[in-house]
């Protein structure tokens, strides 16, 4: 997508390869889960299975994933 048409621009600051079960509590929260019990990893595991289990990549299979860290770049002249 041309940058001029995108709503946000991000810069990738870190790339890691890890197994999905290595996610930290903080990273699970950053993924946007809203746990009822306060256990963000359990909520993330439930979300993960809902998306990936039927394709053979469920939480219990502990697949390898790319974990990206990024920061939002504000466009020049932005008032946000």
PDB file of N, CA and C in Angstrom:
ATOM      1  N   UNK A   1       0.840  -1.166   0.000  1.00  0.00           N
ATOM      2  CA  UNK A   1       0.000   0.000   0.000  1.00  0.00           C
ATOM      3  C   UNK A   1       0.893   1.240   0.000  1.00  0.00           C
ATOM      4  N   UNK A   2       0.563   2.211  -0.816  1.00  0.00           N
ATOM      5  CA  UNK A   2       1.340   3.443  -0.785  1.00  0.00           C
ATOM      6  C   UNK A   2       1.237   4.102   0.589  1.00  0.00           C
ATOM      7  N   UNK A   3       2.347   4.586   1.079  1.00  0.00           N
ATOM      8  CA  UNK A   3       2.377   5.197   2.407  1.00  0.00           C
ATOM      9  C   UNK A   3       1.368   6.333   2.534  1.00  0.00           C
ATOM     10  N   UNK A   4       1.163   7.093   1.480  1.00  0.00           N
ATOM     11  CA  UNK A   4       0.236   8.231   1.550  1.00  0.00           C
ATOM     12  C   UNK A   4      -1.208   7.791   1.785  1.00  0.00           C
ATOM     13  N   UNK A   5      -1.532   6.527   1.530  1.00  0.00           N
ATOM     14  CA  UNK A   5      -2.889   6.024   1.734  1.00  0.00           C
ATOM     15  C   UNK A   5      -3.067   5.265   3.046  1.00  0.00           C
ATOM     16  N   UNK A   6      -1.983   5.018   3.737  1.00  0.00           N
ATOM     17  CA  UNK A   6      -2.096   4.260   4.988  1.00  0.00           C
ATOM     18  C   UNK A   6      -2.542   5.164   6.129  1.00  0.00           C
ATOM     19  N   UNK A   7      -3.274   4.582   7.087  1.00  0.00           N
ATOM     20  CA  UNK A   7      -3.723   5.350   8.244  1.00  0.00           C
ATOM     21  C   UNK A   7      -2.620   5.515   9.274  1.00  0.00           C
ATOM     22  N   UNK A   8      -1.764   4.499   9.407  1.00  0.00           N
ATOM     23  CA  UNK A   8      -0.654   4.585  10.348  1.00  0.00           C
ATOM     24  C   UNK A   8       0.601   4.051   9.671  1.00  0.00           C
ATOM     25  N   UNK A   9       1.738   4.488  10.177  1.00  0.00           N
ATOM     26  CA  UNK A   9       3.026   3.977   9.715  1.00  0.00           C
ATOM     27  C   UNK A   9       3.757   3.449  10.935  1.00  0.00           C
ATOM     28  N   UNK A  10       4.315   2.250  10.793  1.00  0.00           N
ATOM     29  CA  UNK A  10       5.045   1.657  11.910  1.00  0.00           C
ATOM     30  C   UNK A  10       6.463   1.319  11.478  1.00  0.00           C
ATOM     31  N   UNK A  11       7.341   1.300  12.462  1.00  0.00           N
ATOM     32  CA  UNK A  11       8.719   0.875  12.250  1.00  0.00           C
ATOM     33  C   UNK A  11       8.941  -0.377  13.092  1.00  0.00           C
ATOM     34  N   UNK A  12       9.366  -1.455  12.457  1.00  0.00           N
ATOM     35  CA  UNK A  12       9.661  -2.680  13.185  1.00  0.00           C
ATOM     36  C   UNK A  12      10.981  -2.487  13.910  1.00  0.00           C
ATOM     37  N   UNK A  13      10.964  -2.701  15.237  1.00  0.00           N
ATOM     38  CA  UNK A  13      12.152  -2.476  16.049  1.00  0.00           C
ATOM     39  C   UNK A  13      12.808  -3.769  16.525  1.00  0.00           C
ATOM     40  N   UNK A  14      12.080  -4.899  16.444  1.00  0.00           N
ATOM     41  CA  UNK A  14      12.644  -6.174  16.885  1.00  0.00           C
ATOM     42  C   UNK A  14      11.881  -7.311  16.232  1.00  0.00           C
ATOM     43  N   UNK A  15      12.596  -8.360  15.860  1.00  0.00           N
ATOM     44  CA  UNK A  15      11.995  -9.570  15.296  1.00  0.00           C
ATOM     45  C   UNK A  15      12.573 -10.767  16.044  1.00  0.00           C
ATOM     46  N   UNK A  16      11.687 -11.587  16.572  1.00  0.00           N
ATOM     47  CA  UNK A  16      12.113 -12.795  17.280  1.00  0.00           C
ATOM     48  C   UNK A  16      11.361 -13.989  16.717  1.00  0.00           C
ATOM     49  N   UNK A  17      11.983 -15.149  16.742  1.00  0.00           N
ATOM     50  CA  UNK A  17      11.309 -16.395  16.423  1.00  0.00           C
ATOM     51  C   UNK A  17      11.216 -17.161  17.733  1.00  0.00           C
ATOM     52  N   UNK A  18      10.009 -17.549  18.092  1.00  0.00           N
ATOM     53  CA  UNK A  18       9.802 -18.247  19.358  1.00  0.00           C
ATOM     54  C   UNK A  18       8.599 -19.161  19.241  1.00  0.00           C
ATOM     55  N   UNK A  19       8.434 -20.044  20.203  1.00  0.00           N
ATOM     56  CA  UNK A  19       7.239 -20.869  20.237  1.00  0.00           C
ATOM     57  C   UNK A  19       6.117 -20.045  20.861  1.00  0.00           C
ATOM     58  N   UNK A  20       4.899 -20.287  20.400  1.00  0.00           N
ATOM     59  CA  UNK A  20       3.771 -19.457  20.818  1.00  0.00           C
ATOM     60  C   UNK A  20       3.585 -19.480  22.333  1.00  0.00           C
ATOM     61  N   UNK A  21       3.878 -20.591  22.985  1.00  0.00           N
ATOM     62  CA  UNK A  21       3.687 -20.675  24.430  1.00  0.00           C
ATOM     63  C   UNK A  21       4.741 -19.885  25.216  1.00  0.00           C
ATOM     64  N   UNK A  22       5.711 -19.304  24.547  1.00  0.00           N
ATOM     65  CA  UNK A  22       6.705 -18.459  25.211  1.00  0.00           C
ATOM     66  C   UNK A  22       6.223 -17.022  25.392  1.00  0.00           C
ATOM     67  N   UNK A  23       4.997 -16.732  24.975  1.00  0.00           N
ATOM     68  CA  UNK A  23       4.485 -15.365  25.095  1.00  0.00           C
ATOM     69  C   UNK A  23       4.450 -14.949  26.564  1.00  0.00           C
ATOM     70  N   UNK A  24       4.804 -13.718  26.822  1.00  0.00           N
ATOM     71  CA  UNK A  24       4.774 -13.202  28.198  1.00  0.00           C
ATOM     72  C   UNK A  24       3.381 -12.655  28.498  1.00  0.00           C
ATOM     73  N   UNK A  25       3.116 -12.474  29.768  1.00  0.00           N
ATOM     74  CA  UNK A  25       1.841 -11.882  30.190  1.00  0.00           C
ATOM     75  C   UNK A  25       1.678 -10.493  29.559  1.00  0.00           C
ATOM     76  N   UNK A  26       2.736  -9.695  29.584  1.00  0.00           N
ATOM     77  CA  UNK A  26       2.680  -8.342  29.011  1.00  0.00           C
ATOM     78  C   UNK A  26       2.417  -8.386  27.508  1.00  0.00           C
ATOM     79  N   UNK A  27       3.082  -9.307  26.797  1.00  0.00           N
ATOM     80  CA  UNK A  27       2.865  -9.412  25.352  1.00  0.00           C
ATOM     81  C   UNK A  27       1.457  -9.897  25.032  1.00  0.00           C
ATOM     82  N   UNK A  28       0.912 -10.783  25.865  1.00  0.00           N
ATOM     83  CA  UNK A  28      -0.471 -11.235  25.653  1.00  0.00           C
ATOM     84  C   UNK A  28      -1.437 -10.060  25.784  1.00  0.00           C
ATOM     85  N   UNK A  29      -1.210  -9.196  26.784  1.00  0.00           N
ATOM     86  CA  UNK A  29      -2.037  -7.989  26.923  1.00  0.00           C
ATOM     87  C   UNK A  29      -1.899  -7.108  25.684  1.00  0.00           C
ATOM     88  N   UNK A  30      -0.670  -6.967  25.169  1.00  0.00           N
ATOM     89  CA  UNK A  30      -0.438  -6.135  23.986  1.00  0.00           C
ATOM     90  C   UNK A  30      -1.128  -6.693  22.746  1.00  0.00           C
ATOM     91  N   UNK A  31      -1.406  -7.983  22.740  1.00  0.00           N
ATOM     92  CA  UNK A  31      -2.139  -8.587  21.619  1.00  0.00           C
ATOM     93  C   UNK A  31      -3.616  -8.215  21.643  1.00  0.00           C
ATOM     94  N   UNK A  32      -4.061  -7.595  22.740  1.00  0.00           N
ATOM     95  CA  UNK A  32      -5.433  -7.089  22.796  1.00  0.00           C
ATOM     96  C   UNK A  32      -6.439  -8.001  23.472  1.00  0.00           C
ATOM     97  N   UNK A  33      -5.977  -9.050  24.158  1.00  0.00           N
ATOM     98  CA  UNK A  33      -6.931  -9.920  24.843  1.00  0.00           C
ATOM     99  C   UNK A  33      -7.525  -9.197  26.050  1.00  0.00           C
ATOM    100  N   UNK A  34      -8.740  -9.547  26.383  1.00  0.00           N
ATOM    101  CA  UNK A  34      -9.439  -8.957  27.524  1.00  0.00           C
ATOM    102  C   UNK A  34      -9.841 -10.086  28.463  1.00  0.00           C
ATOM    103  N   UNK A  35      -8.920 -10.554  29.305  1.00  0.00           N
ATOM    104  CA  UNK A  35      -9.213 -11.719  30.142  1.00  0.00           C
ATOM    105  C   UNK A  35     -10.229 -11.414  31.245  1.00  0.00           C
ATOM    106  N   UNK A  36     -11.156 -12.360  31.463  1.00  0.00           N
ATOM    107  CA  UNK A  36     -12.117 -12.225  32.562  1.00  0.00           C
ATOM    108  C   UNK A  36     -11.442 -12.475  33.900  1.00  0.00           C
ATOM    109  N   UNK A  37     -10.489 -13.412  33.911  1.00  0.00           N
ATOM    110  CA  UNK A  37      -9.867 -13.832  35.159  1.00  0.00           C
ATOM    111  C   UNK A  37      -8.585 -13.066  35.488  1.00  0.00           C
ATOM    112  N   UNK A  38      -8.108 -12.234  34.591  1.00  0.00           N
ATOM    113  CA  UNK A  38      -6.841 -11.547  34.797  1.00  0.00           C
ATOM    114  C   UNK A  38      -5.658 -12.293  34.223  1.00  0.00           C
ATOM    115  N   UNK A  39      -5.882 -13.513  33.712  1.00  0.00           N
ATOM    116  CA  UNK A  39      -4.811 -14.330  33.133  1.00  0.00           C
ATOM    117  C   UNK A  39      -4.775 -14.101  31.622  1.00  0.00           C
ATOM    118  N   UNK A  40      -3.941 -13.160  31.192  1.00  0.00           N
ATOM    119  CA  UNK A  40      -3.895 -12.787  29.781  1.00  0.00           C
ATOM    120  C   UNK A  40      -3.360 -13.922  28.909  1.00  0.00           C
ATOM    121  N   UNK A  41      -2.455 -14.738  29.427  1.00  0.00           N
ATOM    122  CA  UNK A  41      -1.905 -15.836  28.621  1.00  0.00           C
ATOM    123  C   UNK A  41      -2.995 -16.871  28.335  1.00  0.00           C
ATOM    124  N   UNK A  42      -3.806 -17.200  29.329  1.00  0.00           N
ATOM    125  CA  UNK A  42      -4.907 -18.153  29.112  1.00  0.00           C
ATOM    126  C   UNK A  42      -5.915 -17.597  28.107  1.00  0.00           C
ATOM    127  N   UNK A  43      -6.205 -16.303  28.198  1.00  0.00           N
ATOM    128  CA  UNK A  43      -7.126 -15.676  27.248  1.00  0.00           C
ATOM    129  C   UNK A  43      -6.535 -15.685  25.842  1.00  0.00           C
ATOM    130  N   UNK A  44      -5.227 -15.428  25.742  1.00  0.00           N
ATOM    131  CA  UNK A  44      -4.569 -15.459  24.441  1.00  0.00           C
ATOM    132  C   UNK A  44      -4.574 -16.868  23.865  1.00  0.00           C
ATOM    133  N   UNK A  45      -4.335 -17.874  24.710  1.00  0.00           N
ATOM    134  CA  UNK A  45      -4.353 -19.269  24.256  1.00  0.00           C
ATOM    135  C   UNK A  45      -5.725 -19.628  23.696  1.00  0.00           C
ATOM    136  N   UNK A  46      -6.778 -19.171  24.354  1.00  0.00           N
ATOM    137  CA  UNK A  46      -8.140 -19.430  23.877  1.00  0.00           C
ATOM    138  C   UNK A  46      -8.368 -18.749  22.522  1.00  0.00           C
ATOM    139  N   UNK A  47      -7.946 -17.506  22.405  1.00  0.00           N
ATOM    140  CA  UNK A  47      -8.062 -16.782  21.137  1.00  0.00           C
ATOM    141  C   UNK A  47      -7.251 -17.483  20.052  1.00  0.00           C
ATOM    142  N   UNK A  48      -6.024 -17.874  20.379  1.00  0.00           N
ATOM    143  CA  UNK A  48      -5.144 -18.546  19.429  1.00  0.00           C
ATOM    144  C   UNK A  48      -5.813 -19.806  18.881  1.00  0.00           C
ATOM    145  N   UNK A  49      -6.370 -20.630  19.784  1.00  0.00           N
ATOM    146  CA  UNK A  49      -7.030 -21.861  19.345  1.00  0.00           C
ATOM    147  C   UNK A  49      -8.234 -21.575  18.464  1.00  0.00           C
ATOM    148  N   UNK A  50      -8.983 -20.525  18.783  1.00  0.00           N
ATOM    149  CA  UNK A  50     -10.138 -20.164  17.963  1.00  0.00           C
ATOM    150  C   UNK A  50      -9.763 -19.815  16.533  1.00  0.00           C
ATOM    151  N   UNK A  51      -8.579 -19.293  16.353  1.00  0.00           N
ATOM    152  CA  UNK A  51      -8.110 -18.894  15.018  1.00  0.00           C
ATOM    153  C   UNK A  51      -7.331 -20.012  14.335  1.00  0.00           C
ATOM    154  N   UNK A  52      -6.508 -20.759  15.075  1.00  0.00           N
ATOM    155  CA  UNK A  52      -5.510 -21.631  14.462  1.00  0.00           C
ATOM    156  C   UNK A  52      -5.680 -23.141  14.673  1.00  0.00           C
ATOM    157  N   UNK A  53      -6.470 -23.569  15.638  1.00  0.00           N
ATOM    158  CA  UNK A  53      -6.537 -25.003  15.965  1.00  0.00           C
ATOM    159  C   UNK A  53      -7.054 -25.848  14.803  1.00  0.00           C
ATOM    160  N   UNK A  54      -8.048 -25.381  14.090  1.00  0.00           N
ATOM    161  CA  UNK A  54      -8.616 -26.157  12.972  1.00  0.00           C
ATOM    162  C   UNK A  54      -7.610 -26.370  11.848  1.00  0.00           C
ATOM    163  N   UNK A  55      -6.599 -25.535  11.774  1.00  0.00           N
ATOM    164  CA  UNK A  55      -5.571 -25.661  10.740  1.00  0.00           C
ATOM    165  C   UNK A  55      -4.372 -26.481  11.209  1.00  0.00           C
ATOM    166  N   UNK A  56      -4.473 -27.041  12.436  1.00  0.00           N
ATOM    167  CA  UNK A  56      -3.403 -27.883  12.948  1.00  0.00           C
ATOM    168  C   UNK A  56      -2.309 -27.148  13.694  1.00  0.00           C
ATOM    169  N   UNK A  57      -2.559 -25.890  14.029  1.00  0.00           N
ATOM    170  CA  UNK A  57      -1.556 -25.083  14.725  1.00  0.00           C
ATOM    171  C   UNK A  57      -2.084 -24.585  16.062  1.00  0.00           C
ATOM    172  N   UNK A  58      -2.774 -25.458  16.798  1.00  0.00           N
ATOM    173  CA  UNK A  58      -3.350 -25.080  18.076  1.00  0.00           C
ATOM    174  C   UNK A  58      -2.296 -24.788  19.134  1.00  0.00           C
ATOM    175  N   UNK A  59      -2.755 -24.222  20.243  1.00  0.00           N
ATOM    176  CA  UNK A  59      -1.891 -23.862  21.359  1.00  0.00           C
ATOM    177  C   UNK A  59      -1.067 -25.051  21.828  1.00  0.00           C
ATOM    178  N   UNK A  60      -1.690 -26.226  21.939  1.00  0.00           N
ATOM    179  CA  UNK A  60      -1.003 -27.414  22.450  1.00  0.00           C
ATOM    180  C   UNK A  60       0.115 -27.907  21.529  1.00  0.00           C
ATOM    181  N   UNK A  61       0.032 -27.598  20.237  1.00  0.00           N
ATOM    182  CA  UNK A  61       1.111 -28.005  19.325  1.00  0.00           C
ATOM    183  C   UNK A  61       2.316 -27.075  19.436  1.00  0.00           C
ATOM    184  N   UNK A  62       2.122 -25.916  20.089  1.00  0.00           N
ATOM    185  CA  UNK A  62       3.202 -24.960  20.385  1.00  0.00           C
ATOM    186  C   UNK A  62       4.046 -24.616  19.149  1.00  0.00           C
ATOM    187  N   UNK A  63       3.398 -24.109  18.085  1.00  0.00           N
ATOM    188  CA  UNK A  63       4.149 -23.823  16.859  1.00  0.00           C
ATOM    189  C   UNK A  63       5.120 -22.659  17.013  1.00  0.00           C
ATOM    190  N   UNK A  64       6.083 -22.616  16.115  1.00  0.00           N
ATOM    191  CA  UNK A  64       7.011 -21.496  16.045  1.00  0.00           C
ATOM    192  C   UNK A  64       6.282 -20.310  15.403  1.00  0.00           C
ATOM    193  N   UNK A  65       6.533 -19.117  15.909  1.00  0.00           N
ATOM    194  CA  UNK A  65       5.892 -17.903  15.399  1.00  0.00           C
ATOM    195  C   UNK A  65       6.935 -16.793  15.276  1.00  0.00           C
ATOM    196  N   UNK A  66       6.613 -15.810  14.466  1.00  0.00           N
ATOM    197  CA  UNK A  66       7.408 -14.586  14.396  1.00  0.00           C
ATOM    198  C   UNK A  66       6.798 -13.607  15.378  1.00  0.00           C
ATOM    199  N   UNK A  67       7.593 -13.059  16.269  1.00  0.00           N
ATOM    200  CA  UNK A  67       7.134 -12.049  17.221  1.00  0.00           C
ATOM    201  C   UNK A  67       7.764 -10.725  16.839  1.00  0.00           C
ATOM    202  N   UNK A  68       6.931  -9.785  16.422  1.00  0.00           N
ATOM    203  CA  UNK A  68       7.416  -8.482  15.967  1.00  0.00           C
ATOM    204  C   UNK A  68       7.138  -7.422  17.014  1.00  0.00           C
ATOM    205  N   UNK A  69       8.105  -6.567  17.241  1.00  0.00           N
ATOM    206  CA  UNK A  69       7.916  -5.394  18.084  1.00  0.00           C
ATOM    207  C   UNK A  69       8.025  -4.184  17.166  1.00  0.00           C
ATOM    208  N   UNK A  70       7.132  -3.240  17.364  1.00  0.00           N
ATOM    209  CA  UNK A  70       7.151  -2.074  16.488  1.00  0.00           C
ATOM    210  C   UNK A  70       6.749  -0.835  17.254  1.00  0.00           C
ATOM    211  N   UNK A  71       6.992   0.296  16.623  1.00  0.00           N
ATOM    212  CA  UNK A  71       6.553   1.573  17.183  1.00  0.00           C
ATOM    213  C   UNK A  71       5.867   2.356  16.085  1.00  0.00           C
ATOM    214  N   UNK A  72       4.900   3.135  16.485  1.00  0.00           N
ATOM    215  CA  UNK A  72       4.171   3.967  15.536  1.00  0.00           C
ATOM    216  C   UNK A  72       4.988   5.206  15.214  1.00  0.00           C
ATOM    217  N   UNK A  73       5.040   5.560  13.951  1.00  0.00           N
ATOM    218  CA  UNK A  73       5.742   6.758  13.501  1.00  0.00           C
ATOM    219  C   UNK A  73       4.688   7.807  13.160  1.00  0.00           C
ATOM    220  N   UNK A  74       4.792   8.948  13.800  1.00  0.00           N
ATOM    221  CA  UNK A  74       3.854  10.029  13.542  1.00  0.00           C
ATOM    222  C   UNK A  74       4.292  10.776  12.278  1.00  0.00           C
ATOM    223  N   UNK A  75       3.333  11.064  11.401  1.00  0.00           N
ATOM    224  CA  UNK A  75       3.704  11.813  10.186  1.00  0.00           C
ATOM    225  C   UNK A  75       4.111  13.245  10.522  1.00  0.00           C
ATOM    226  N   UNK A  76       4.956  13.836   9.687  1.00  0.00           N
ATOM    227  CA  UNK A  76       5.369  15.240   9.930  1.00  0.00           C
ATOM    228  C   UNK A  76       4.156  16.146  10.011  1.00  0.00           C
ATOM    229  N   UNK A  77       4.154  17.042  10.970  1.00  0.00           N
ATOM    230  CA  UNK A  77       3.058  17.995  11.112  1.00  0.00           C
ATOM    231  C   UNK A  77       1.844  17.420  11.810  1.00  0.00           C
ATOM    232  N   UNK A  78       1.957  16.211  12.352  1.00  0.00           N
ATOM    233  CA  UNK A  78       0.824  15.589  13.037  1.00  0.00           C
ATOM    234  C   UNK A  78       0.546  16.276  14.353  1.00  0.00           C
ATOM    235  N   UNK A  79      -0.717  16.389  14.716  1.00  0.00           N
ATOM    236  CA  UNK A  79      -1.092  17.000  15.981  1.00  0.00           C
ATOM    237  C   UNK A  79      -1.498  15.955  17.019  1.00  0.00           C
ATOM    238  N   UNK A  80      -1.296  14.679  16.727  1.00  0.00           N
ATOM    239  CA  UNK A  80      -1.696  13.619  17.660  1.00  0.00           C
ATOM    240  C   UNK A  80      -0.721  13.462  18.770  1.00  0.00           C
TER     241      UNK A  80
END
